[in-house]
Amino acid sequence: MAEIVDARGLSCPEPVLLTLETIKKLGKGEIEILVDTDTSKENVSRAAQSMGWQILKIVEEEKGYKITIKKD
């Protein structure tokens, strides 16, 4: 079961900070991040990759994006 970070409605850098907080807390596994802007999608993806996490998928939803990241 993936951990979920709901960062919809937050402006940068909050979605990135929430994502990095969850990455540090978990260390590994799978995280789904919900964002509602292109900027947040790009920034969260970049931050996750810089921490060694893999972007599994980015799904466009009605109100934004669901980014799934993973680290083994």
Protein backbone atom coordinates (compact mmCIF):
# COMPACT_ATOMS: atom_id res chain seq x y z
CA MET A 1 0.00 0.00 0.00
CA ALA A 2 1.48 3.30 -1.08
CA GLU A 3 1.81 6.24 1.26
CA ILE A 4 -0.25 9.18 -0.04
CA VAL A 5 0.84 12.82 0.03
CA ASP A 6 -2.03 15.16 -0.84
CA ALA A 7 -0.44 18.45 -1.85
CA ARG A 8 -3.37 19.75 -3.89
CA GLY A 9 -4.14 23.40 -3.28
CA LEU A 10 -0.66 24.11 -1.93
CA SER A 11 1.76 26.45 -3.65
CA CYS A 12 5.44 25.74 -4.13
CA PRO A 13 7.58 24.87 -2.33
CA GLU A 14 5.04 23.14 -0.03
CA PRO A 15 4.36 20.08 -2.27
CA VAL A 16 8.12 19.48 -2.59
CA LEU A 17 8.67 19.89 1.15
CA LEU A 18 5.83 17.47 1.99
CA THR A 19 7.22 14.95 -0.51
CA LEU A 20 10.76 15.20 0.86
CA GLU A 21 9.45 14.86 4.43
CA THR A 22 7.64 11.63 3.46
CA ILE A 23 10.69 10.32 1.56
CA LYS A 24 12.86 10.86 4.66
CA LYS A 25 10.25 9.26 6.93
CA LEU A 26 9.83 6.13 4.79
CA GLY A 27 13.34 5.68 3.40
CA LYS A 28 11.99 3.30 0.75
CA GLY A 29 8.75 1.94 -0.66
CA GLU A 30 6.09 3.58 -2.77
CA ILE A 31 4.57 7.05 -2.47
CA GLU A 32 1.71 8.66 -4.38
CA ILE A 33 1.81 12.44 -4.51
CA LEU A 34 -1.29 14.39 -5.54
CA VAL A 35 -0.67 17.85 -7.00
CA ASP A 36 -2.81 20.26 -8.98
CA THR A 37 -0.34 22.31 -11.03
CA ASP A 38 2.23 21.61 -13.75
CA THR A 39 4.86 23.44 -11.71
CA SER A 40 4.27 21.23 -8.67
CA LYS A 41 4.36 18.12 -10.89
CA GLU A 42 7.74 19.12 -12.33
CA ASN A 43 9.26 20.23 -9.03
CA VAL A 44 8.08 17.17 -7.07
CA SER A 45 9.32 14.80 -9.81
CA ARG A 46 12.72 16.51 -9.90
CA ALA A 47 13.06 16.50 -6.10
CA ALA A 48 12.15 12.80 -5.86
CA GLN A 49 14.66 11.85 -8.55
CA SER A 50 17.39 13.91 -6.87
CA MET A 51 16.81 11.80 -3.73
CA GLY A 52 17.28 8.59 -5.73
CA TRP A 53 13.60 7.74 -6.16
CA GLN A 54 12.21 6.40 -9.42
CA ILE A 55 9.18 7.98 -11.09
CA LEU A 56 6.89 5.01 -11.79
CA LYS A 57 4.10 6.97 -13.42
CA ILE A 58 2.42 10.34 -13.69
CA VAL A 59 -1.31 10.16 -14.28
CA GLU A 60 -3.28 13.22 -15.30
CA GLU A 61 -6.50 13.36 -13.30
CA GLU A 62 -9.52 15.62 -13.37
CA LYS A 63 -8.00 18.04 -10.89
CA GLY A 64 -4.27 17.68 -11.37
CA TYR A 65 -1.80 14.81 -11.32
CA LYS A 66 -0.99 11.68 -9.37
CA ILE A 67 2.74 11.02 -9.27
CA THR A 68 3.82 7.56 -8.16
CA ILE A 69 7.41 7.21 -6.99
CA LYS A 70 9.31 4.20 -5.68
CA LYS A 71 12.57 3.22 -4.07
CA ASP A 72 13.62 -0.34 -3.24
